[in-house]
């Protein structure tokens, strides 16, 4: 009988530990969500930002030449 009670209280303790960790994780995720809720990823950067991509406007390098350059360089 005592062994059954020990198993029961051990199971309850494990369940409470699991529930506590789950609640802690949930509120941690909610806190992170609130921190980044007003974060605007698609606004134009401020300061001395440099544009990383500039499309080629001239027709000197067509798609075939770029493909051959890709095959030659192996990248």
N, C-alpha and C. Protein backbone atom coordinates (compact mmCIF):
# COMPACT_ATOMS: atom_id res chain seq x y z
N UNK A 1 0.81 -1.19 0.00
CA UNK A 1 0.00 0.00 0.00
C UNK A 1 0.86 1.27 0.00
N UNK A 2 1.93 1.25 0.80
CA UNK A 2 2.82 2.42 0.83
C UNK A 2 3.50 2.63 -0.52
N UNK A 3 3.84 1.55 -1.17
CA UNK A 3 4.49 1.65 -2.48
C UNK A 3 3.54 2.29 -3.49
N UNK A 4 2.26 1.98 -3.42
CA UNK A 4 1.27 2.56 -4.31
C UNK A 4 1.12 4.05 -4.07
N UNK A 5 1.17 4.47 -2.82
CA UNK A 5 1.07 5.89 -2.49
C UNK A 5 2.31 6.64 -2.98
N UNK A 6 3.50 6.03 -2.84
CA UNK A 6 4.73 6.66 -3.34
C UNK A 6 4.67 6.85 -4.85
N UNK A 7 4.19 5.85 -5.55
CA UNK A 7 4.07 5.95 -7.01
C UNK A 7 3.07 7.03 -7.38
N UNK A 8 1.96 7.10 -6.65
CA UNK A 8 0.93 8.11 -6.92
C UNK A 8 1.50 9.51 -6.72
N UNK A 9 2.17 9.76 -5.60
CA UNK A 9 2.73 11.09 -5.34
C UNK A 9 3.89 11.41 -6.29
N UNK A 10 4.64 10.42 -6.69
CA UNK A 10 5.69 10.64 -7.69
C UNK A 10 5.10 11.03 -9.03
N UNK A 11 3.99 10.40 -9.39
CA UNK A 11 3.32 10.74 -10.65
C UNK A 11 2.75 12.15 -10.59
N UNK A 12 2.13 12.50 -9.47
CA UNK A 12 1.59 13.85 -9.30
C UNK A 12 2.71 14.89 -9.35
N UNK A 13 3.84 14.60 -8.71
CA UNK A 13 4.97 15.52 -8.73
C UNK A 13 5.50 15.71 -10.15
N UNK A 14 5.61 14.62 -10.91
CA UNK A 14 6.06 14.71 -12.29
C UNK A 14 5.08 15.51 -13.14
N UNK A 15 3.79 15.29 -12.93
CA UNK A 15 2.78 16.04 -13.67
C UNK A 15 2.86 17.53 -13.35
N UNK A 16 3.03 17.88 -12.08
CA UNK A 16 3.14 19.29 -11.71
C UNK A 16 4.40 19.92 -12.29
N UNK A 17 5.50 19.19 -12.31
CA UNK A 17 6.73 19.70 -12.92
C UNK A 17 6.53 19.94 -14.41
N UNK A 18 5.89 19.00 -15.09
CA UNK A 18 5.63 19.16 -16.52
C UNK A 18 4.70 20.34 -16.78
N UNK A 19 3.63 20.46 -15.97
CA UNK A 19 2.70 21.58 -16.14
C UNK A 19 3.40 22.91 -15.87
N UNK A 20 4.24 22.97 -14.85
CA UNK A 20 4.97 24.20 -14.55
C UNK A 20 5.91 24.60 -15.67
N UNK A 21 6.64 23.64 -16.21
CA UNK A 21 7.55 23.95 -17.33
C UNK A 21 6.77 24.37 -18.57
N UNK A 22 5.62 23.74 -18.80
CA UNK A 22 4.80 24.11 -19.95
C UNK A 22 4.28 25.53 -19.81
N UNK A 23 3.81 25.89 -18.63
CA UNK A 23 3.31 27.25 -18.39
C UNK A 23 4.43 28.26 -18.52
N UNK A 24 5.60 27.95 -17.99
CA UNK A 24 6.76 28.84 -18.11
C UNK A 24 7.14 29.04 -19.57
N UNK A 25 7.15 27.99 -20.35
CA UNK A 25 7.47 28.09 -21.77
C UNK A 25 6.42 28.92 -22.50
N UNK A 26 5.15 28.70 -22.19
CA UNK A 26 4.06 29.44 -22.84
C UNK A 26 4.19 30.93 -22.59
N UNK A 27 4.40 31.32 -21.33
CA UNK A 27 4.51 32.74 -21.03
C UNK A 27 5.81 33.33 -21.58
N UNK A 28 6.85 32.54 -21.70
CA UNK A 28 8.07 33.02 -22.34
C UNK A 28 7.84 33.33 -23.81
N UNK A 29 7.12 32.43 -24.50
CA UNK A 29 6.81 32.67 -25.91
C UNK A 29 5.90 33.89 -26.05
N UNK A 30 4.94 34.05 -25.16
CA UNK A 30 4.06 35.22 -25.21
C UNK A 30 4.85 36.51 -24.99
N UNK A 31 5.83 36.49 -24.08
CA UNK A 31 6.65 37.67 -23.83
C UNK A 31 7.47 38.03 -25.06
N UNK A 32 8.06 37.03 -25.71
CA UNK A 32 8.83 37.28 -26.93
C UNK A 32 7.93 37.81 -28.03
N UNK A 33 6.72 37.28 -28.14
CA UNK A 33 5.77 37.75 -29.14
C UNK A 33 5.42 39.22 -28.91
N UNK A 34 5.21 39.62 -27.67
CA UNK A 34 4.90 41.01 -27.37
C UNK A 34 6.08 41.92 -27.67
N UNK A 35 7.29 41.44 -27.47
CA UNK A 35 8.48 42.25 -27.75
C UNK A 35 8.59 42.56 -29.24
N UNK A 36 8.28 41.59 -30.09
CA UNK A 36 8.45 41.76 -31.53
C UNK A 36 7.15 42.08 -32.25
N UNK A 37 6.08 42.38 -31.52
CA UNK A 37 4.80 42.64 -32.15
C UNK A 37 4.82 43.91 -32.99
N UNK A 38 5.47 44.95 -32.52
CA UNK A 38 5.50 46.23 -33.24
C UNK A 38 6.77 46.40 -34.06
N UNK A 39 7.51 45.35 -34.23
CA UNK A 39 8.75 45.41 -35.00
C UNK A 39 8.40 45.42 -36.48
N UNK A 40 8.79 46.44 -37.17
CA UNK A 40 8.45 46.59 -38.59
C UNK A 40 9.64 46.15 -39.43
N UNK A 41 9.56 44.93 -39.97
CA UNK A 41 10.69 44.38 -40.72
C UNK A 41 10.83 45.01 -42.10
N UNK A 42 9.75 45.51 -42.66
CA UNK A 42 9.79 45.93 -44.05
C UNK A 42 9.88 47.44 -44.22
N UNK A 43 10.14 48.17 -43.15
CA UNK A 43 10.37 49.60 -43.27
C UNK A 43 11.72 49.84 -43.93
N UNK A 44 11.82 51.00 -44.56
CA UNK A 44 13.11 51.35 -45.16
C UNK A 44 14.11 51.61 -44.04
N UNK A 45 15.34 51.14 -44.21
CA UNK A 45 16.34 51.34 -43.15
C UNK A 45 16.71 52.81 -43.02
N UNK A 46 17.05 53.17 -41.80
CA UNK A 46 17.48 54.54 -41.54
C UNK A 46 18.99 54.58 -41.39
N UNK A 47 19.57 55.73 -41.60
CA UNK A 47 21.00 55.87 -41.42
C UNK A 47 21.76 55.64 -42.71
N UNK A 48 22.94 55.07 -42.60
CA UNK A 48 23.83 54.92 -43.75
C UNK A 48 23.74 53.52 -44.33
N UNK A 49 22.52 53.04 -44.59
CA UNK A 49 22.35 51.71 -45.16
C UNK A 49 22.72 51.72 -46.64
N UNK A 50 23.25 50.62 -47.11
CA UNK A 50 23.67 50.48 -48.50
C UNK A 50 22.80 49.42 -49.15
N UNK A 51 22.33 49.70 -50.37
CA UNK A 51 21.52 48.72 -51.07
C UNK A 51 22.40 47.56 -51.51
N UNK A 52 21.97 46.35 -51.22
CA UNK A 52 22.80 45.18 -51.47
C UNK A 52 22.60 44.60 -52.86
N UNK A 53 21.49 44.90 -53.51
CA UNK A 53 21.20 44.31 -54.81
C UNK A 53 20.88 45.43 -55.79
N UNK A 54 21.55 45.40 -56.93
CA UNK A 54 21.26 46.37 -57.98
C UNK A 54 21.03 45.60 -59.27
N UNK A 55 19.81 45.62 -59.78
CA UNK A 55 19.53 44.86 -61.01
C UNK A 55 20.28 45.43 -62.20
N UNK A 56 20.65 44.56 -63.12
CA UNK A 56 21.36 44.98 -64.33
C UNK A 56 20.34 45.54 -65.30
N UNK A 57 20.52 46.79 -65.68
CA UNK A 57 19.56 47.43 -66.57
C UNK A 57 19.97 47.31 -68.03
N UNK A 58 21.25 47.17 -68.30
CA UNK A 58 21.69 47.08 -69.69
C UNK A 58 21.58 45.64 -70.17
N UNK A 59 21.51 45.46 -71.47
CA UNK A 59 21.34 44.13 -72.03
C UNK A 59 22.65 43.45 -72.36
N UNK A 60 23.77 43.91 -71.82
CA UNK A 60 25.06 43.34 -72.17
C UNK A 60 25.24 41.92 -71.63
N UNK A 61 24.71 41.63 -70.46
CA UNK A 61 24.81 40.29 -69.90
C UNK A 61 23.42 39.67 -69.88
N UNK A 62 23.14 38.86 -70.86
CA UNK A 62 21.85 38.18 -70.91
C UNK A 62 21.85 36.97 -70.00
N UNK A 63 20.74 36.26 -69.99
CA UNK A 63 20.62 35.12 -69.08
C UNK A 63 21.55 33.99 -69.49
N UNK A 64 21.84 33.84 -70.79
CA UNK A 64 22.72 32.76 -71.24
C UNK A 64 24.16 33.02 -70.81
N UNK A 65 24.61 34.28 -70.93
CA UNK A 65 25.97 34.61 -70.50
C UNK A 65 26.14 34.42 -68.99
N UNK A 66 25.12 34.81 -68.23
CA UNK A 66 25.19 34.62 -66.78
C UNK A 66 25.19 33.14 -66.42
N UNK A 67 24.43 32.33 -67.17
CA UNK A 67 24.41 30.89 -66.92
C UNK A 67 25.77 30.27 -67.22
N UNK A 68 26.41 30.68 -68.32
CA UNK A 68 27.73 30.16 -68.67
C UNK A 68 28.77 30.60 -67.63
N UNK A 69 28.65 31.83 -67.13
CA UNK A 69 29.55 32.30 -66.07
C UNK A 69 29.36 31.47 -64.81
N UNK A 70 28.12 31.12 -64.51
CA UNK A 70 27.83 30.27 -63.35
C UNK A 70 28.48 28.90 -63.51
N UNK A 71 28.37 28.31 -64.70
CA UNK A 71 28.97 26.99 -64.93
C UNK A 71 30.50 27.05 -64.92
N UNK A 72 31.09 28.12 -65.43
CA UNK A 72 32.54 28.24 -65.45
C UNK A 72 33.11 28.43 -64.05
N UNK A 73 32.46 29.26 -63.25
CA UNK A 73 32.97 29.54 -61.90
C UNK A 73 32.60 28.45 -60.91
N UNK A 74 31.59 27.70 -61.20
CA UNK A 74 31.19 26.63 -60.31
C UNK A 74 30.50 27.09 -59.04
N UNK A 75 29.93 28.26 -59.07
CA UNK A 75 29.24 28.78 -57.88
C UNK A 75 27.80 29.01 -58.21
